[in-house]
Amino acid sequence: MNWIVTGSLRVEAITIAIADLPTSLQGTKLVQLSDLHYDGLRLSENMLDRAIEVSNQAEPDLVVLTGDYITDDPTPIRQLVQRLKHLQSRAGIYAVLGNHDLYYRRSKAQIVEAITSIGVRVLWNEVVHPLGVGLPIVGLADFWSSEFDPAPVMNQLDAKIPRIVLSHNPDSAEPLQQWRVDLQLSGHTHGGQIVIPKVGPIPALFQRLRQNLPKSVHRRIPYMKECTRVVNHWEWAQGLHRVGNNLLYVNRGLGTYPPGRLFCPPEVTVVTLV
């Protein structure tokens, strides 16, 4: 039963200009889905069906999944992949893992096995070329894992060649500034979940308060401790951001944590490259 307030699904269509993009890839379309948290509570079946329908209607060249398929117990991944197998894409579906996908000792192995069983390629510090050698896709280990080590992966690539990086946690954009990243696709933050119009996500506000209030006050503010553990850069909670010379897009995700979402609808992102 999905009792947490989420709001209606929103499709975010963005166009990204990439220097040196091969002519043959002009107009290439990617769909990003993130943070499903499929456990019978945080994502309704109707929302999942609608997200898959929207993705297929976009007729994408590539579908990318950016982590947190489950919340803690990996068992629901078996049921989830039976739904995800209906996703359609010309050049395939590629995925990276999030911190929740590593929750138990065997979680990673179970999730990789299940997702792979439906033809999705799971990337863990790997470079692939589903769209051709002119636009590599990089999939990194989760930022909080002991295996997050982008240097050996990124150093494989010629700096003259554009690339797209899949990395669950947007905080990884900070160390990635030393390499060329034409577009990083991340999730993890759920967009902050509660957004004050014209002010921004509540966690970003907490972040500013934390910097200006004495520590004795922090514990009196609900959810402040939880929010400050999620990311350092709440200013990147959702949408498009310039990080140094690189570009970062953060998807608000499909799943929802208590107390729910307000002015922060679940998201399917459709990216067109030019």
Protein backbone atom coordinates (compact mmCIF):
# COMPACT_ATOMS: atom_id res chain seq x y z
CA MET A 1 0.00 0.00 0.00
CA ASN A 2 1.37 3.40 -1.02
CA TRP A 3 0.12 5.88 1.57
CA ILE A 4 2.84 8.51 1.36
CA VAL A 5 1.85 11.70 -0.46
CA THR A 6 3.81 11.91 -3.71
CA GLY A 7 1.97 14.04 -6.25
CA SER A 8 1.60 13.30 -9.96
CA LEU A 9 4.46 12.19 -12.17
CA ARG A 10 6.14 14.96 -14.14
CA VAL A 11 8.16 14.62 -17.32
CA GLU A 12 11.14 16.97 -17.46
CA ALA A 13 12.34 17.49 -21.05
CA ILE A 14 15.76 19.12 -21.32
CA THR A 15 18.08 19.82 -24.23
CA ILE A 16 21.82 19.57 -23.61
CA ALA A 17 24.40 21.08 -25.95
CA ILE A 18 27.56 18.96 -26.08
CA ALA A 19 30.75 20.20 -27.70
CA ASP A 20 32.23 17.82 -30.29
CA LEU A 21 29.07 15.69 -30.40
CA PRO A 22 29.27 13.56 -33.56
CA THR A 23 26.88 14.70 -36.29
CA SER A 24 25.29 11.24 -36.31
CA LEU A 25 24.26 11.71 -32.66
CA GLN A 26 22.51 15.06 -33.11
CA GLY A 27 19.06 14.73 -31.55
CA THR A 28 19.93 11.59 -29.59
CA LYS A 29 17.33 11.05 -26.88
CA LEU A 30 17.98 9.60 -23.42
CA VAL A 31 15.48 8.77 -20.70
CA GLN A 32 16.58 8.74 -17.05
CA LEU A 33 14.73 6.96 -14.23
CA SER A 34 16.07 7.07 -10.69
CA ASP A 35 15.42 6.17 -7.04
CA LEU A 36 12.51 3.77 -7.40
CA HIS A 37 12.71 2.44 -3.81
CA TYR A 38 10.41 -0.38 -4.81
CA ASP A 39 9.18 -1.96 -1.59
CA GLY A 40 5.39 -1.70 -1.67
CA LEU A 41 5.37 1.56 0.28
CA ARG A 42 7.44 4.23 -1.41
CA LEU A 43 6.39 3.72 -5.03
CA SER A 44 2.88 2.89 -6.19
CA GLU A 45 2.28 0.39 -8.98
CA ASN A 46 0.37 3.06 -10.90
CA MET A 47 3.30 5.47 -10.69
CA LEU A 48 5.71 2.80 -11.91
CA ASP A 49 3.40 1.83 -14.79
CA ARG A 50 3.07 5.46 -15.80
CA ALA A 51 6.85 6.04 -15.68
CA ILE A 52 7.48 3.04 -17.94
CA GLU A 53 4.72 4.18 -20.31
CA VAL A 54 6.15 7.71 -20.49
CA SER A 55 9.65 6.36 -21.14
CA ASN A 56 8.46 4.15 -24.00
CA GLN A 57 6.39 6.97 -25.51
CA ALA A 58 9.55 9.07 -25.74
CA GLU A 59 11.07 6.41 -28.04
CA PRO A 60 14.54 6.87 -26.49
CA ASP A 61 17.83 5.89 -28.04
CA LEU A 62 19.07 4.99 -24.56
CA VAL A 63 17.48 4.45 -21.14
CA VAL A 64 19.62 4.99 -18.04
CA LEU A 65 18.75 3.97 -14.48
CA THR A 66 20.66 5.80 -11.75
CA GLY A 67 20.26 3.67 -8.65
CA ASP A 68 18.32 2.88 -5.46
CA TYR A 69 16.00 0.27 -6.93
CA ILE A 70 15.10 -1.01 -3.46
CA THR A 71 15.26 0.51 0.03
CA ASP A 72 16.84 -2.13 2.27
CA ASP A 73 15.59 -5.71 1.75
CA PRO A 74 16.66 -6.67 -1.81
CA THR A 75 13.87 -9.26 -2.23
CA PRO A 76 11.46 -6.91 -4.10
CA ILE A 77 13.98 -6.54 -6.94
CA ARG A 78 12.63 -9.81 -8.39
CA GLN A 79 9.18 -8.31 -8.80
CA LEU A 80 10.53 -4.94 -9.92
CA VAL A 81 12.49 -6.33 -12.85
CA GLN A 82 9.36 -8.03 -14.15
CA ARG A 83 8.01 -4.52 -14.61
CA LEU A 84 11.22 -2.92 -15.85
CA LYS A 85 11.59 -5.54 -18.59
CA HIS A 86 8.88 -3.63 -20.48
CA LEU A 87 11.17 -0.61 -20.93
CA GLN A 88 12.11 -0.07 -24.58
CA SER A 89 15.23 1.55 -26.02
CA ARG A 90 16.99 1.48 -29.37
CA ALA A 91 20.53 1.10 -28.00
CA GLY A 92 19.80 -0.66 -24.72
CA ILE A 93 19.34 0.08 -21.04
CA TYR A 94 22.24 0.85 -18.70
CA ALA A 95 22.22 1.15 -14.92
CA VAL A 96 24.37 2.11 -11.97
CA LEU A 97 23.76 1.26 -8.33
CA GLY A 98 22.90 3.54 -5.42
CA ASN A 99 23.72 3.36 -1.73
CA HIS A 100 20.49 1.50 -0.87
CA ASP A 101 21.37 -1.19 -3.40
CA LEU A 102 24.39 -2.02 -1.23
CA TYR A 103 22.44 -2.11 2.06
CA TYR A 104 23.05 -5.76 2.95
CA ARG A 105 26.15 -7.83 2.26
CA ARG A 106 24.43 -9.73 -0.55
CA SER A 107 22.29 -6.87 -1.86
CA LYS A 108 24.64 -5.87 -4.66
CA ALA A 109 24.96 -9.38 -6.06
CA GLN A 110 21.20 -10.00 -5.93
CA ILE A 111 20.33 -6.72 -7.59
CA VAL A 112 22.95 -7.03 -10.33
CA GLU A 113 21.81 -10.58 -11.07
CA ALA A 114 18.13 -9.59 -11.25
CA ILE A 115 18.65 -6.50 -13.38
CA THR A 116 21.04 -8.30 -15.71
CA SER A 117 18.49 -11.08 -16.18
CA ILE A 118 16.22 -8.72 -18.15
CA GLY A 119 19.01 -7.50 -20.42
CA VAL A 120 19.98 -4.34 -18.54
CA ARG A 121 23.73 -3.72 -18.34
CA VAL A 122 24.85 -2.74 -14.83
CA LEU A 123 27.96 -0.53 -14.83
CA TRP A 124 30.38 -0.46 -11.91
CA ASN A 125 33.42 1.66 -12.78
CA GLU A 126 33.07 0.89 -16.49
CA VAL A 127 33.06 2.62 -19.87
CA VAL A 128 30.70 1.42 -22.62
CA HIS A 129 29.84 2.67 -26.12
CA PRO A 130 26.19 1.86 -26.88
CA LEU A 131 25.90 5.05 -28.97
CA GLY A 132 29.28 4.60 -30.66
CA VAL A 133 32.87 5.51 -29.84
CA GLY A 134 32.09 9.22 -30.23
CA LEU A 135 30.07 9.35 -27.00
CA PRO A 136 31.20 6.95 -24.24
CA ILE A 137 28.89 6.25 -21.31
CA VAL A 138 30.68 5.99 -17.95
CA GLY A 139 29.05 4.20 -15.02
CA LEU A 140 30.66 4.72 -11.62
CA ALA A 141 30.48 2.83 -8.33
CA ASP A 142 28.32 4.51 -5.70
CA PHE A 143 30.02 7.53 -4.16
CA TRP A 144 29.67 6.11 -0.63
CA SER A 145 31.14 2.71 -1.53
CA SER A 146 34.76 1.82 -0.91
CA GLU A 147 35.11 1.20 -4.66
CA PHE A 148 34.33 4.72 -5.79
CA ASP A 149 37.55 5.51 -7.64
CA PRO A 150 36.92 7.48 -10.82
CA ALA A 151 40.55 8.05 -11.81
CA PRO A 152 41.26 4.67 -13.49
CA VAL A 153 37.94 4.91 -15.33
CA MET A 154 38.04 8.54 -16.43
CA ASN A 155 41.71 8.37 -17.40
CA GLN A 156 40.83 5.81 -20.08
CA LEU A 157 39.13 8.54 -22.10
CA ASP A 158 40.65 11.03 -24.51
CA ALA A 159 39.83 14.56 -23.30
CA LYS A 160 38.77 15.48 -26.83
CA ILE A 161 35.91 12.99 -26.76
CA PRO A 162 32.61 13.96 -25.08
CA ARG A 163 31.16 11.63 -22.49
CA ILE A 164 28.15 11.10 -20.24
CA VAL A 165 28.68 9.93 -16.65
CA LEU A 166 26.14 8.00 -14.58
CA SER A 167 26.72 8.44 -10.85
CA HIS A 168 23.97 7.98 -8.27
CA ASN A 169 25.10 10.59 -5.74
CA PRO A 170 25.49 14.17 -7.06
CA ASP A 171 28.23 14.88 -4.50
CA SER A 172 30.50 12.91 -6.83
CA ALA A 173 30.41 15.91 -9.18
CA GLU A 174 32.88 17.64 -6.88
CA PRO A 175 35.82 15.22 -7.35
CA LEU A 176 34.84 14.69 -11.00
CA GLN A 177 35.70 18.32 -11.79
CA GLN A 178 39.26 17.29 -12.64
CA TRP A 179 37.98 15.46 -15.75
CA ARG A 180 35.77 16.41 -18.65
CA VAL A 181 32.13 15.52 -17.93
CA ASP A 182 29.77 16.81 -20.60
CA LEU A 183 26.76 15.58 -18.65
CA GLN A 184 26.53 13.78 -15.31
CA LEU A 185 23.19 12.15 -14.52
CA SER A 186 22.47 11.59 -10.82
CA GLY A 187 19.61 11.09 -8.38
CA HIS A 188 19.80 10.25 -4.65
CA THR A 189 18.31 13.47 -3.24
CA HIS A 190 14.66 12.93 -4.27
CA GLY A 191 14.81 16.62 -5.13
CA GLY A 192 14.66 17.46 -1.44
CA GLN A 193 11.08 16.08 -1.35
CA ILE A 194 9.60 19.19 0.27
CA VAL A 195 10.15 22.43 -1.63
CA ILE A 196 9.12 25.93 -0.59
CA PRO A 197 8.19 27.88 -3.73
CA LYS A 198 10.70 30.66 -4.51
CA VAL A 199 12.89 29.45 -1.61
CA GLY A 200 13.93 25.94 -2.58
CA PRO A 201 14.15 22.47 -1.02
CA ILE A 202 13.76 22.27 2.76
CA PRO A 203 17.07 20.39 3.15
CA ALA A 204 18.92 23.23 1.41
CA LEU A 205 17.34 25.60 3.91
CA PHE A 206 18.43 23.29 6.74
CA GLN A 207 21.93 23.38 5.30
CA ARG A 208 22.01 27.17 5.54
CA LEU A 209 20.53 27.10 9.04
CA ARG A 210 23.10 24.55 10.15
CA GLN A 211 25.87 26.90 9.08
CA ASN A 212 24.41 29.84 11.02
CA LEU A 213 22.80 28.32 14.13
CA PRO A 214 24.53 26.91 17.23
CA LYS A 215 24.78 23.11 17.37
CA SER A 216 22.54 23.03 20.43
CA VAL A 217 19.63 24.12 18.21
CA HIS A 218 20.19 21.58 15.42
CA ARG A 219 18.62 18.65 17.24
CA ARG A 220 15.41 20.59 17.84
CA ILE A 221 14.66 20.93 14.14
CA PRO A 222 12.82 17.85 12.75
CA TYR A 223 14.67 15.89 10.04
CA MET A 224 17.71 18.19 10.08
CA LYS A 225 20.09 15.39 11.08
CA GLU A 226 18.68 13.03 8.45
CA CYS A 227 18.92 15.68 5.72
CA THR A 228 22.50 16.61 6.48
CA ARG A 229 23.53 12.96 6.11
CA VAL A 230 22.17 12.59 2.58
CA VAL A 231 24.44 14.97 0.64
CA ASN A 232 26.82 17.83 1.27
CA HIS A 233 25.63 19.79 -1.77
CA TRP A 234 21.91 20.33 -1.28
CA GLU A 235 22.23 23.26 -3.68
CA TRP A 236 22.35 20.52 -6.34
CA ALA A 237 19.17 18.85 -5.06
CA GLN A 238 17.41 18.82 -8.42
CA GLY A 239 17.69 20.06 -11.97
CA LEU A 240 20.63 21.30 -14.02
CA HIS A 241 23.81 22.73 -12.48
CA ARG A 242 27.20 23.87 -13.66
CA VAL A 243 29.94 22.34 -11.49
CA GLY A 244 33.24 23.85 -12.53
CA ASN A 245 33.42 23.21 -16.28
CA ASN A 246 31.07 20.23 -16.05
CA LEU A 247 27.31 19.85 -16.27
CA LEU A 248 25.25 17.95 -13.66
CA TYR A 249 21.60 16.99 -13.87
CA VAL A 250 19.85 15.62 -10.75
CA ASN A 251 16.62 13.67 -11.22
CA ARG A 252 14.03 13.95 -8.40
CA GLY A 253 13.39 10.20 -8.48
CA LEU A 254 10.21 8.14 -8.44
CA GLY A 255 10.20 6.73 -4.92
CA THR A 256 9.34 8.74 -1.83
CA TYR A 257 10.41 8.73 1.82
CA PRO A 258 8.20 9.83 4.73
CA PRO A 259 6.87 12.45 5.25
CA GLY A 260 6.30 12.57 1.47
CA ARG A 261 6.64 15.17 -1.29
CA LEU A 262 5.37 18.73 -1.53
CA PHE A 263 5.95 20.85 -4.65
CA CYS A 264 8.50 18.20 -5.64
CA PRO A 265 6.83 15.71 -7.99
CA PRO A 266 8.36 12.39 -9.01
CA GLU A 267 10.22 12.66 -12.29
CA VAL A 268 11.04 11.01 -15.58
CA THR A 269 13.74 12.93 -17.42
CA VAL A 270 13.92 13.07 -21.21
CA VAL A 271 17.27 14.41 -22.44
CA THR A 272 17.88 15.48 -26.03
CA LEU A 273 21.51 15.95 -27.10
CA VAL A 274 22.50 18.60 -29.62
